Amino acid sequence: AGRGLLVQWFGVPAPAPPIHADLNGLFAL
């Protein structure tokens, strides 16, 4: 839910493709 905020806080590029961050989020949940 907060990928944009995390990218802004840590100053890193957004994941490409975003499915990688989604799968990691589901795994953590």
mmCIF file of all heavy atoms, coordinates in Angstrom:
data_MODEL
# 
_entry.id   MODEL 
# 
loop_
_atom_site.group_PDB 
_atom_site.id 
_atom_site.type_symbol 
_atom_site.label_atom_id 
_atom_site.label_alt_id 
_atom_site.label_comp_id 
_atom_site.label_asym_id 
_atom_site.label_entity_id 
_atom_site.label_seq_id 
_atom_site.pdbx_PDB_ins_code 
_atom_site.Cartn_x 
_atom_site.Cartn_y 
_atom_site.Cartn_z 
_atom_site.occupancy 
_atom_site.B_iso_or_equiv 
_atom_site.pdbx_formal_charge 
_atom_site.auth_seq_id 
_atom_site.auth_comp_id 
_atom_site.auth_asym_id 
_atom_site.auth_atom_id 
_atom_site.pdbx_PDB_model_num 
ATOM 1   N N   . ALA A 1 1  ? 0.802  -1.225  0.000   1.00 0.00 ? 1  ALA A N   1 
ATOM 2   C CA  . ALA A 1 1  ? 0.000  0.000   0.000   1.00 0.00 ? 1  ALA A CA  1 
ATOM 3   C C   . ALA A 1 1  ? 0.839  1.282   0.000   1.00 0.00 ? 1  ALA A C   1 
ATOM 4   O O   . ALA A 1 1  ? 0.400  2.302   -0.510  1.00 0.00 ? 1  ALA A O   1 
ATOM 5   C CB  . ALA A 1 1  ? -0.923 0.009   1.214   1.00 0.00 ? 1  ALA A CB  1 
ATOM 6   N N   . GLY A 1 2  ? 2.025  1.219   0.565   1.00 0.00 ? 2  GLY A N   1 
ATOM 7   C CA  . GLY A 1 2  ? 2.803  2.443   0.710   1.00 0.00 ? 2  GLY A CA  1 
ATOM 8   C C   . GLY A 1 2  ? 4.089  2.446   -0.077  1.00 0.00 ? 2  GLY A C   1 
ATOM 9   O O   . GLY A 1 2  ? 5.093  2.989   0.367   1.00 0.00 ? 2  GLY A O   1 
ATOM 10  N N   . ARG A 1 3  ? 4.063  1.820   -1.247  1.00 0.00 ? 3  ARG A N   1 
ATOM 11  C CA  . ARG A 1 3  ? 5.293  1.707   -2.040  1.00 0.00 ? 3  ARG A CA  1 
ATOM 12  C C   . ARG A 1 3  ? 5.842  3.085   -2.405  1.00 0.00 ? 3  ARG A C   1 
ATOM 13  O O   . ARG A 1 3  ? 7.039  3.313   -2.317  1.00 0.00 ? 3  ARG A O   1 
ATOM 14  C CB  . ARG A 1 3  ? 5.033  0.892   -3.292  1.00 0.00 ? 3  ARG A CB  1 
ATOM 15  C CG  . ARG A 1 3  ? 6.284  0.608   -4.072  1.00 0.00 ? 3  ARG A CG  1 
ATOM 16  C CD  . ARG A 1 3  ? 6.031  -0.244  -5.286  1.00 0.00 ? 3  ARG A CD  1 
ATOM 17  N NE  . ARG A 1 3  ? 5.159  -1.358  -4.969  1.00 0.00 ? 3  ARG A NE  1 
ATOM 18  C CZ  . ARG A 1 3  ? 4.115  -1.699  -5.721  1.00 0.00 ? 3  ARG A CZ  1 
ATOM 19  N NH1 . ARG A 1 3  ? 3.828  -1.034  -6.807  1.00 0.00 ? 3  ARG A NH1 1 
ATOM 20  N NH2 . ARG A 1 3  ? 3.363  -2.724  -5.387  1.00 0.00 ? 3  ARG A NH2 1 
ATOM 21  N N   . GLY A 1 4  ? 4.994  4.004   -2.791  1.00 0.00 ? 4  GLY A N   1 
ATOM 22  C CA  . GLY A 1 4  ? 5.451  5.349   -3.160  1.00 0.00 ? 4  GLY A CA  1 
ATOM 23  C C   . GLY A 1 4  ? 6.119  6.066   -2.003  1.00 0.00 ? 4  GLY A C   1 
ATOM 24  O O   . GLY A 1 4  ? 7.137  6.745   -2.184  1.00 0.00 ? 4  GLY A O   1 
ATOM 25  N N   . LEU A 1 5  ? 5.561  5.903   -0.825  1.00 0.00 ? 5  LEU A N   1 
ATOM 26  C CA  . LEU A 1 5  ? 6.140  6.537   0.360   1.00 0.00 ? 5  LEU A CA  1 
ATOM 27  C C   . LEU A 1 5  ? 7.491  5.919   0.709   1.00 0.00 ? 5  LEU A C   1 
ATOM 28  O O   . LEU A 1 5  ? 8.437  6.633   1.043   1.00 0.00 ? 5  LEU A O   1 
ATOM 29  C CB  . LEU A 1 5  ? 5.182  6.402   1.539   1.00 0.00 ? 5  LEU A CB  1 
ATOM 30  C CG  . LEU A 1 5  ? 5.537  7.141   2.811   1.00 0.00 ? 5  LEU A CG  1 
ATOM 31  C CD1 . LEU A 1 5  ? 5.651  8.632   2.546   1.00 0.00 ? 5  LEU A CD1 1 
ATOM 32  C CD2 . LEU A 1 5  ? 4.507  6.860   3.877   1.00 0.00 ? 5  LEU A CD2 1 
ATOM 33  N N   . LEU A 1 6  ? 7.601  4.593   0.595   1.00 0.00 ? 6  LEU A N   1 
ATOM 34  C CA  . LEU A 1 6  ? 8.877  3.932   0.878   1.00 0.00 ? 6  LEU A CA  1 
ATOM 35  C C   . LEU A 1 6  ? 9.948  4.346   -0.123  1.00 0.00 ? 6  LEU A C   1 
ATOM 36  O O   . LEU A 1 6  ? 11.104 4.564   0.249   1.00 0.00 ? 6  LEU A O   1 
ATOM 37  C CB  . LEU A 1 6  ? 8.704  2.409   0.863   1.00 0.00 ? 6  LEU A CB  1 
ATOM 38  C CG  . LEU A 1 6  ? 7.925  1.803   2.019   1.00 0.00 ? 6  LEU A CG  1 
ATOM 39  C CD1 . LEU A 1 6  ? 7.728  0.310   1.803   1.00 0.00 ? 6  LEU A CD1 1 
ATOM 40  C CD2 . LEU A 1 6  ? 8.635  2.053   3.328   1.00 0.00 ? 6  LEU A CD2 1 
ATOM 41  N N   . VAL A 1 7  ? 9.570  4.473   -1.382  1.00 0.00 ? 7  VAL A N   1 
ATOM 42  C CA  . VAL A 1 7  ? 10.515 4.907   -2.413  1.00 0.00 ? 7  VAL A CA  1 
ATOM 43  C C   . VAL A 1 7  ? 10.998 6.316   -2.113  1.00 0.00 ? 7  VAL A C   1 
ATOM 44  O O   . VAL A 1 7  ? 12.190 6.625   -2.234  1.00 0.00 ? 7  VAL A O   1 
ATOM 45  C CB  . VAL A 1 7  ? 9.858  4.822   -3.811  1.00 0.00 ? 7  VAL A CB  1 
ATOM 46  C CG1 . VAL A 1 7  ? 10.659 5.578   -4.845  1.00 0.00 ? 7  VAL A CG1 1 
ATOM 47  C CG2 . VAL A 1 7  ? 9.668  3.374   -4.227  1.00 0.00 ? 7  VAL A CG2 1 
ATOM 48  N N   . GLN A 1 8  ? 10.085 7.161   -1.685  1.00 0.00 ? 8  GLN A N   1 
ATOM 49  C CA  . GLN A 1 8  ? 10.443 8.555   -1.362  1.00 0.00 ? 8  GLN A CA  1 
ATOM 50  C C   . GLN A 1 8  ? 11.333 8.615   -0.119  1.00 0.00 ? 8  GLN A C   1 
ATOM 51  O O   . GLN A 1 8  ? 12.319 9.344   -0.093  1.00 0.00 ? 8  GLN A O   1 
ATOM 52  C CB  . GLN A 1 8  ? 9.174  9.371   -1.152  1.00 0.00 ? 8  GLN A CB  1 
ATOM 53  C CG  . GLN A 1 8  ? 9.422  10.826  -0.898  1.00 0.00 ? 8  GLN A CG  1 
ATOM 54  C CD  . GLN A 1 8  ? 8.117  11.576  -0.665  1.00 0.00 ? 8  GLN A CD  1 
ATOM 55  O OE1 . GLN A 1 8  ? 7.067  10.973  -0.497  1.00 0.00 ? 8  GLN A OE1 1 
ATOM 56  N NE2 . GLN A 1 8  ? 8.191  12.886  -0.658  1.00 0.00 ? 8  GLN A NE2 1 
ATOM 57  N N   . TRP A 1 9  ? 10.993 7.862   0.926   1.00 0.00 ? 9  TRP A N   1 
ATOM 58  C CA  . TRP A 1 9  ? 11.775 7.879   2.170   1.00 0.00 ? 9  TRP A CA  1 
ATOM 59  C C   . TRP A 1 9  ? 13.205 7.414   1.962   1.00 0.00 ? 9  TRP A C   1 
ATOM 60  O O   . TRP A 1 9  ? 14.140 8.002   2.479   1.00 0.00 ? 9  TRP A O   1 
ATOM 61  C CB  . TRP A 1 9  ? 11.130 6.988   3.215   1.00 0.00 ? 9  TRP A CB  1 
ATOM 62  C CG  . TRP A 1 9  ? 10.023 7.623   3.981   1.00 0.00 ? 9  TRP A CG  1 
ATOM 63  C CD1 . TRP A 1 9  ? 9.598  8.914   3.916   1.00 0.00 ? 9  TRP A CD1 1 
ATOM 64  C CD2 . TRP A 1 9  ? 9.182  6.980   4.920   1.00 0.00 ? 9  TRP A CD2 1 
ATOM 65  N NE1 . TRP A 1 9  ? 8.536  9.102   4.750   1.00 0.00 ? 9  TRP A NE1 1 
ATOM 66  C CE2 . TRP A 1 9  ? 8.264  7.925   5.395   1.00 0.00 ? 9  TRP A CE2 1 
ATOM 67  C CE3 . TRP A 1 9  ? 9.093  5.692   5.408   1.00 0.00 ? 9  TRP A CE3 1 
ATOM 68  C CZ2 . TRP A 1 9  ? 7.296  7.626   6.324   1.00 0.00 ? 9  TRP A CZ2 1 
ATOM 69  C CZ3 . TRP A 1 9  ? 8.128  5.393   6.335   1.00 0.00 ? 9  TRP A CZ3 1 
ATOM 70  C CH2 . TRP A 1 9  ? 7.230  6.360   6.793   1.00 0.00 ? 9  TRP A CH2 1 
ATOM 71  N N   . PHE A 1 10 ? 13.370 6.307   1.246   1.00 0.00 ? 10 PHE A N   1 
ATOM 72  C CA  . PHE A 1 10 ? 14.692 5.709   1.116   1.00 0.00 ? 10 PHE A CA  1 
ATOM 73  C C   . PHE A 1 10 ? 15.453 6.189   -0.114  1.00 0.00 ? 10 PHE A C   1 
ATOM 74  O O   . PHE A 1 10 ? 16.623 5.868   -0.280  1.00 0.00 ? 10 PHE A O   1 
ATOM 75  C CB  . PHE A 1 10 ? 14.584 4.181   1.107   1.00 0.00 ? 10 PHE A CB  1 
ATOM 76  C CG  . PHE A 1 10 ? 14.150 3.625   2.428   1.00 0.00 ? 10 PHE A CG  1 
ATOM 77  C CD1 . PHE A 1 10 ? 12.874 3.125   2.597   1.00 0.00 ? 10 PHE A CD1 1 
ATOM 78  C CD2 . PHE A 1 10 ? 15.006 3.614   3.512   1.00 0.00 ? 10 PHE A CD2 1 
ATOM 79  C CE1 . PHE A 1 10 ? 12.461 2.613   3.817   1.00 0.00 ? 10 PHE A CE1 1 
ATOM 80  C CE2 . PHE A 1 10 ? 14.612 3.116   4.736   1.00 0.00 ? 10 PHE A CE2 1 
ATOM 81  C CZ  . PHE A 1 10 ? 13.334 2.612   4.892   1.00 0.00 ? 10 PHE A CZ  1 
ATOM 82  N N   . GLY A 1 11 ? 14.807 6.961   -0.974  1.00 0.00 ? 11 GLY A N   1 
ATOM 83  C CA  . GLY A 1 11 ? 15.475 7.525   -2.130  1.00 0.00 ? 11 GLY A CA  1 
ATOM 84  C C   . GLY A 1 11 ? 15.952 6.488   -3.131  1.00 0.00 ? 11 GLY A C   1 
ATOM 85  O O   . GLY A 1 11 ? 17.026 6.639   -3.708  1.00 0.00 ? 11 GLY A O   1 
ATOM 86  N N   . VAL A 1 12 ? 15.190 5.448   -3.297  1.00 0.00 ? 12 VAL A N   1 
ATOM 87  C CA  . VAL A 1 12 ? 15.537 4.389   -4.247  1.00 0.00 ? 12 VAL A CA  1 
ATOM 88  C C   . VAL A 1 12 ? 14.550 4.423   -5.409  1.00 0.00 ? 12 VAL A C   1 
ATOM 89  O O   . VAL A 1 12 ? 13.449 4.949   -5.285  1.00 0.00 ? 12 VAL A O   1 
ATOM 90  C CB  . VAL A 1 12 ? 15.512 3.003   -3.565  1.00 0.00 ? 12 VAL A CB  1 
ATOM 91  C CG1 . VAL A 1 12 ? 16.588 2.908   -2.498  1.00 0.00 ? 12 VAL A CG1 1 
ATOM 92  C CG2 . VAL A 1 12 ? 14.158 2.709   -2.956  1.00 0.00 ? 12 VAL A CG2 1 
ATOM 93  N N   . PRO A 1 13 ? 14.923 3.867   -6.550  1.00 0.00 ? 13 PRO A N   1 
ATOM 94  C CA  . PRO A 1 13 ? 13.967 3.832   -7.664  1.00 0.00 ? 13 PRO A CA  1 
ATOM 95  C C   . PRO A 1 13 ? 12.832 2.850   -7.383  1.00 0.00 ? 13 PRO A C   1 
ATOM 96  O O   . PRO A 1 13 ? 13.014 1.884   -6.646  1.00 0.00 ? 13 PRO A O   1 
ATOM 97  C CB  . PRO A 1 13 ? 14.809 3.373   -8.854  1.00 0.00 ? 13 PRO A CB  1 
ATOM 98  C CG  . PRO A 1 13 ? 15.992 2.710   -8.268  1.00 0.00 ? 13 PRO A CG  1 
ATOM 99  C CD  . PRO A 1 13 ? 16.227 3.347   -6.930  1.00 0.00 ? 13 PRO A CD  1 
ATOM 100 N N   . ALA A 1 14 ? 11.702 3.101   -7.976  1.00 0.00 ? 14 ALA A N   1 
ATOM 101 C CA  . ALA A 1 14 ? 10.550 2.207   -7.821  1.00 0.00 ? 14 ALA A CA  1 
ATOM 102 C C   . ALA A 1 14 ? 10.863 0.867   -8.480  1.00 0.00 ? 14 ALA A C   1 
ATOM 103 O O   . ALA A 1 14 ? 11.591 0.814   -9.469  1.00 0.00 ? 14 ALA A O   1 
ATOM 104 C CB  . ALA A 1 14 ? 9.313  2.833   -8.459  1.00 0.00 ? 14 ALA A CB  1 
ATOM 105 N N   . PRO A 1 15 ? 10.358 -0.219  -7.922  1.00 0.00 ? 15 PRO A N   1 
ATOM 106 C CA  . PRO A 1 15 ? 10.645 -1.531  -8.513  1.00 0.00 ? 15 PRO A CA  1 
ATOM 107 C C   . PRO A 1 15 ? 10.048 -1.637  -9.915  1.00 0.00 ? 15 PRO A C   1 
ATOM 108 O O   . PRO A 1 15 ? 8.958  -1.147  -10.183 1.00 0.00 ? 15 PRO A O   1 
ATOM 109 C CB  . PRO A 1 15 ? 9.977  -2.512  -7.556  1.00 0.00 ? 15 PRO A CB  1 
ATOM 110 C CG  . PRO A 1 15 ? 8.996  -1.729  -6.788  1.00 0.00 ? 15 PRO A CG  1 
ATOM 111 C CD  . PRO A 1 15 ? 9.476  -0.324  -6.771  1.00 0.00 ? 15 PRO A CD  1 
ATOM 112 N N   . ALA A 1 16 ? 10.804 -2.282  -10.797 1.00 0.00 ? 16 ALA A N   1 
ATOM 113 C CA  . ALA A 1 16 ? 10.320 -2.469  -12.165 1.00 0.00 ? 16 ALA A CA  1 
ATOM 114 C C   . ALA A 1 16 ? 10.511 -3.930  -12.532 1.00 0.00 ? 16 ALA A C   1 
ATOM 115 O O   . ALA A 1 16 ? 11.641 -4.402  -12.518 1.00 0.00 ? 16 ALA A O   1 
ATOM 116 C CB  . ALA A 1 16 ? 11.077 -1.571  -13.123 1.00 0.00 ? 16 ALA A CB  1 
ATOM 117 N N   . PRO A 1 17 ? 9.509  -4.642  -12.784 1.00 0.00 ? 17 PRO A N   1 
ATOM 118 C CA  . PRO A 1 17 ? 8.085  -4.351  -12.726 1.00 0.00 ? 17 PRO A CA  1 
ATOM 119 C C   . PRO A 1 17 ? 7.579  -4.384  -11.282 1.00 0.00 ? 17 PRO A C   1 
ATOM 120 O O   . PRO A 1 17 ? 8.185  -5.023  -10.426 1.00 0.00 ? 17 PRO A O   1 
ATOM 121 C CB  . PRO A 1 17 ? 7.452  -5.467  -13.562 1.00 0.00 ? 17 PRO A CB  1 
ATOM 122 C CG  . PRO A 1 17 ? 8.391  -6.607  -13.454 1.00 0.00 ? 17 PRO A CG  1 
ATOM 123 C CD  . PRO A 1 17 ? 9.767  -5.985  -13.326 1.00 0.00 ? 17 PRO A CD  1 
ATOM 124 N N   . PRO A 1 18 ? 6.481  -3.718  -11.023 1.00 0.00 ? 18 PRO A N   1 
ATOM 125 C CA  . PRO A 1 18 ? 5.966  -3.617  -9.644  1.00 0.00 ? 18 PRO A CA  1 
ATOM 126 C C   . PRO A 1 18 ? 5.502  -4.948  -9.055  1.00 0.00 ? 18 PRO A C   1 
ATOM 127 O O   . PRO A 1 18 ? 5.330  -5.045  -7.847  1.00 0.00 ? 18 PRO A O   1 
ATOM 128 C CB  . PRO A 1 18 ? 4.797  -2.653  -9.745  1.00 0.00 ? 18 PRO A CB  1 
ATOM 129 C CG  . PRO A 1 18 ? 4.724  -2.187  -11.134 1.00 0.00 ? 18 PRO A CG  1 
ATOM 130 C CD  . PRO A 1 18 ? 5.734  -2.898  -11.946 1.00 0.00 ? 18 PRO A CD  1 
ATOM 131 N N   . ILE A 1 19 ? 5.346  -5.972  -9.872  1.00 0.00 ? 19 ILE A N   1 
ATOM 132 C CA  . ILE A 1 19 ? 4.898  -7.267  -9.358  1.00 0.00 ? 19 ILE A CA  1 
ATOM 133 C C   . ILE A 1 19 ? 5.891  -7.834  -8.342  1.00 0.00 ? 19 ILE A C   1 
ATOM 134 O O   . ILE A 1 19 ? 5.510  -8.559  -7.433  1.00 0.00 ? 19 ILE A O   1 
ATOM 135 C CB  . ILE A 1 19 ? 4.645  -8.263  -10.517 1.00 0.00 ? 19 ILE A CB  1 
ATOM 136 C CG1 . ILE A 1 19 ? 4.011  -9.549  -10.024 1.00 0.00 ? 19 ILE A CG1 1 
ATOM 137 C CG2 . ILE A 1 19 ? 5.929  -8.594  -11.239 1.00 0.00 ? 19 ILE A CG2 1 
ATOM 138 C CD1 . ILE A 1 19 ? 2.565  -9.424  -9.708  1.00 0.00 ? 19 ILE A CD1 1 
ATOM 139 N N   . HIS A 1 20 ? 7.161  -7.464  -8.478  1.00 0.00 ? 20 HIS A N   1 
ATOM 140 C CA  . HIS A 1 20 ? 8.161  -7.955  -7.528  1.00 0.00 ? 20 HIS A CA  1 
ATOM 141 C C   . HIS A 1 20 ? 7.879  -7.447  -6.117  1.00 0.00 ? 20 HIS A C   1 
ATOM 142 O O   . HIS A 1 20 ? 7.957  -8.203  -5.149  1.00 0.00 ? 20 HIS A O   1 
ATOM 143 C CB  . HIS A 1 20 ? 9.568  -7.556  -7.973  1.00 0.00 ? 20 HIS A CB  1 
ATOM 144 C CG  . HIS A 1 20 ? 9.989  -8.160  -9.255  1.00 0.00 ? 20 HIS A CG  1 
ATOM 145 N ND1 . HIS A 1 20 ? 10.059 -9.515  -9.457  1.00 0.00 ? 20 HIS A ND1 1 
ATOM 146 C CD2 . HIS A 1 20 ? 10.352 -7.590  -10.422 1.00 0.00 ? 20 HIS A CD2 1 
ATOM 147 C CE1 . HIS A 1 20 ? 10.453 -9.772  -10.685 1.00 0.00 ? 20 HIS A CE1 1 
ATOM 148 N NE2 . HIS A 1 20 ? 10.631 -8.600  -11.302 1.00 0.00 ? 20 HIS A NE2 1 
ATOM 149 N N   . ALA A 1 21 ? 7.556  -6.185  -5.982  1.00 0.00 ? 21 ALA A N   1 
ATOM 150 C CA  . ALA A 1 21 ? 7.231  -5.626  -4.670  1.00 0.00 ? 21 ALA A CA  1 
ATOM 151 C C   . ALA A 1 21 ? 5.909  -6.202  -4.164  1.00 0.00 ? 21 ALA A C   1 
ATOM 152 O O   . ALA A 1 21 ? 5.764  -6.457  -2.966  1.00 0.00 ? 21 ALA A O   1 
ATOM 153 C CB  . ALA A 1 21 ? 7.153  -4.110  -4.734  1.00 0.00 ? 21 ALA A CB  1 
ATOM 154 N N   . ASP A 1 22 ? 4.949  -6.419  -5.059  1.00 0.00 ? 22 ASP A N   1 
ATOM 155 C CA  . ASP A 1 22 ? 3.667  -6.997  -4.646  1.00 0.00 ? 22 ASP A CA  1 
ATOM 156 C C   . ASP A 1 22 ? 3.848  -8.415  -4.108  1.00 0.00 ? 22 ASP A C   1 
ATOM 157 O O   . ASP A 1 22 ? 3.277  -8.773  -3.075  1.00 0.00 ? 22 ASP A O   1 
ATOM 158 C CB  . ASP A 1 22 ? 2.688  -7.019  -5.821  1.00 0.00 ? 22 ASP A CB  1 
ATOM 159 C CG  . ASP A 1 22 ? 2.287  -5.628  -6.272  1.00 0.00 ? 22 ASP A CG  1 
ATOM 160 O OD1 . ASP A 1 22 ? 2.422  -4.684  -5.467  1.00 0.00 ? 22 ASP A OD1 1 
ATOM 161 O OD2 . ASP A 1 22 ? 1.848  -5.491  -7.424  1.00 0.00 ? 22 ASP A OD2 1 
ATOM 162 N N   . LEU A 1 23 ? 4.632  -9.223  -4.788  1.00 0.00 ? 23 LEU A N   1 
ATOM 163 C CA  . LEU A 1 23 ? 4.859  -10.591 -4.324  1.00 0.00 ? 23 LEU A CA  1 
ATOM 164 C C   . LEU A 1 23 ? 5.623  -10.619 -3.007  1.00 0.00 ? 23 LEU A C   1 
ATOM 165 O O   . LEU A 1 23 ? 5.322  -11.425 -2.119  1.00 0.00 ? 23 LEU A O   1 
ATOM 166 C CB  . LEU A 1 23 ? 5.605  -11.387 -5.392  1.00 0.00 ? 23 LEU A CB  1 
ATOM 167 C CG  . LEU A 1 23 ? 4.807  -11.710 -6.641  1.00 0.00 ? 23 LEU A CG  1 
ATOM 168 C CD1 . LEU A 1 23 ? 5.687  -12.398 -7.668  1.00 0.00 ? 23 LEU A CD1 1 
ATOM 169 C CD2 . LEU A 1 23 ? 3.591  -12.555 -6.308  1.00 0.00 ? 23 LEU A CD2 1 
ATOM 170 N N   . ASN A 1 24 ? 6.602  -9.735  -2.852  1.00 0.00 ? 24 ASN A N   1 
ATOM 171 C CA  . ASN A 1 24 ? 7.317  -9.659  -1.576  1.00 0.00 ? 24 ASN A CA  1 
ATOM 172 C C   . ASN A 1 24 ? 6.388  -9.213  -0.451  1.00 0.00 ? 24 ASN A C   1 
ATOM 173 O O   . ASN A 1 24 ? 6.492  -9.688  0.685   1.00 0.00 ? 24 ASN A O   1 
ATOM 174 C CB  . ASN A 1 24 ? 8.512  -8.725  -1.685  1.00 0.00 ? 24 ASN A CB  1 
ATOM 175 C CG  . ASN A 1 24 ? 9.656  -9.352  -2.423  1.00 0.00 ? 24 ASN A CG  1 
ATOM 176 O OD1 . ASN A 1 24 ? 9.800  -10.567 -2.452  1.00 0.00 ? 24 ASN A OD1 1 
ATOM 177 N ND2 . ASN A 1 24 ? 10.477 -8.525  -3.033  1.00 0.00 ? 24 ASN A ND2 1 
ATOM 178 N N   . GLY A 1 25 ? 5.481  -8.294  -0.749  1.00 0.00 ? 25 GLY A N   1 
ATOM 179 C CA  . GLY A 1 25 ? 4.510  -7.856  0.257   1.00 0.00 ? 25 GLY A CA  1 
ATOM 180 C C   . GLY A 1 25 ? 3.571  -8.971  0.660   1.00 0.00 ? 25 GLY A C   1 
ATOM 181 O O   . GLY A 1 25 ? 3.286  -9.156  1.848   1.00 0.00 ? 25 GLY A O   1 
ATOM 182 N N   . LEU A 1 26 ? 3.091  -9.738  -0.306  1.00 0.00 ? 26 LEU A N   1 
ATOM 183 C CA  . LEU A 1 26 ? 2.221  -10.874 0.008   1.00 0.00 ? 26 LEU A CA  1 
ATOM 184 C C   . LEU A 1 26 ? 2.966  -11.935 0.809   1.00 0.00 ? 26 LEU A C   1 
ATOM 185 O O   . LEU A 1 26 ? 2.414  -12.539 1.729   1.00 0.00 ? 26 LEU A O   1 
ATOM 186 C CB  . LEU A 1 26 ? 1.659  -11.483 -1.275  1.00 0.00 ? 26 LEU A CB  1 
ATOM 187 C CG  . LEU A 1 26 ? 0.610  -10.652 -1.995  1.00 0.00 ? 26 LEU A CG  1 
ATOM 188 C CD1 . LEU A 1 26 ? 0.245  -11.307 -3.320  1.00 0.00 ? 26 LEU A CD1 1 
ATOM 189 C CD2 . LEU A 1 26 ? -0.624 -10.478 -1.128  1.00 0.00 ? 26 LEU A CD2 1 
ATOM 190 N N   . PHE A 1 27 ? 4.215  -12.174 0.467   1.00 0.00 ? 27 PHE A N   1 
ATOM 191 C CA  . PHE A 1 27 ? 5.018  -13.139 1.203   1.00 0.00 ? 27 PHE A CA  1 
ATOM 192 C C   . PHE A 1 27 ? 5.214  -12.695 2.654   1.00 0.00 ? 27 PHE A C   1 
ATOM 193 O O   . PHE A 1 27 ? 5.087  -13.494 3.583   1.00 0.00 ? 27 PHE A O   1 
ATOM 194 C CB  . PHE A 1 27 ? 6.363  -13.320 0.508   1.00 0.00 ? 27 PHE A CB  1 
ATOM 195 C CG  . PHE A 1 27 ? 7.246  -14.328 1.155   1.00 0.00 ? 27 PHE A CG  1 
ATOM 196 C CD1 . PHE A 1 27 ? 6.915  -15.673 1.147   1.00 0.00 ? 27 PHE A CD1 1 
ATOM 197 C CD2 . PHE A 1 27 ? 8.425  -13.949 1.772   1.00 0.00 ? 27 PHE A CD2 1 
ATOM 198 C CE1 . PHE A 1 27 ? 7.732  -16.615 1.750   1.00 0.00 ? 27 PHE A CE1 1 
ATOM 199 C CE2 . PHE A 1 27 ? 9.247  -14.876 2.374   1.00 0.00 ? 27 PHE A CE2 1 
ATOM 200 C CZ  . PHE A 1 27 ? 8.906  -16.216 2.363   1.00 0.00 ? 27 PHE A CZ  1 
ATOM 201 N N   . ALA A 1 28 ? 5.496  -11.419 2.870   1.00 0.00 ? 28 ALA A N   1 
ATOM 202 C CA  . ALA A 1 28 ? 5.670  -10.909 4.232   1.00 0.00 ? 28 ALA A CA  1 
ATOM 203 C C   . ALA A 1 28 ? 4.370  -11.013 5.028   1.00 0.00 ? 28 ALA A C   1 
ATOM 204 O O   . ALA A 1 28 ? 4.383  -11.355 6.217   1.00 0.00 ? 28 ALA A O   1 
ATOM 205 C CB  . ALA A 1 28 ? 6.159  -9.466  4.198   1.00 0.00 ? 28 ALA A CB  1 
ATOM 206 N N   . LEU A 1 29 ? 3.229  -10.744 4.385   1.00 0.00 ? 29 LEU A N   1 
ATOM 207 C CA  . LEU A 1 29 ? 1.944  -10.888 5.074   1.00 0.00 ? 29 LEU A CA  1 
ATOM 208 C C   . LEU A 1 29 ? 1.645  -12.349 5.394   1.00 0.00 ? 29 LEU A C   1 
ATOM 209 O O   . LEU A 1 29 ? 1.053  -12.660 6.433   1.00 0.00 ? 29 LEU A O   1 
ATOM 210 C CB  . LEU A 1 29 ? 0.824  -10.280 4.242   1.00 0.00 ? 29 LEU A CB  1 
ATOM 211 C CG  . LEU A 1 29 ? 0.805  -8.758  4.165   1.00 0.00 ? 29 LEU A CG  1 
ATOM 212 C CD1 . LEU A 1 29 ? -0.321 -8.289  3.252   1.00 0.00 ? 29 LEU A CD1 1 
ATOM 213 C CD2 . LEU A 1 29 ? 0.670  -8.144  5.545   1.00 0.00 ? 29 LEU A CD2 1 
# 
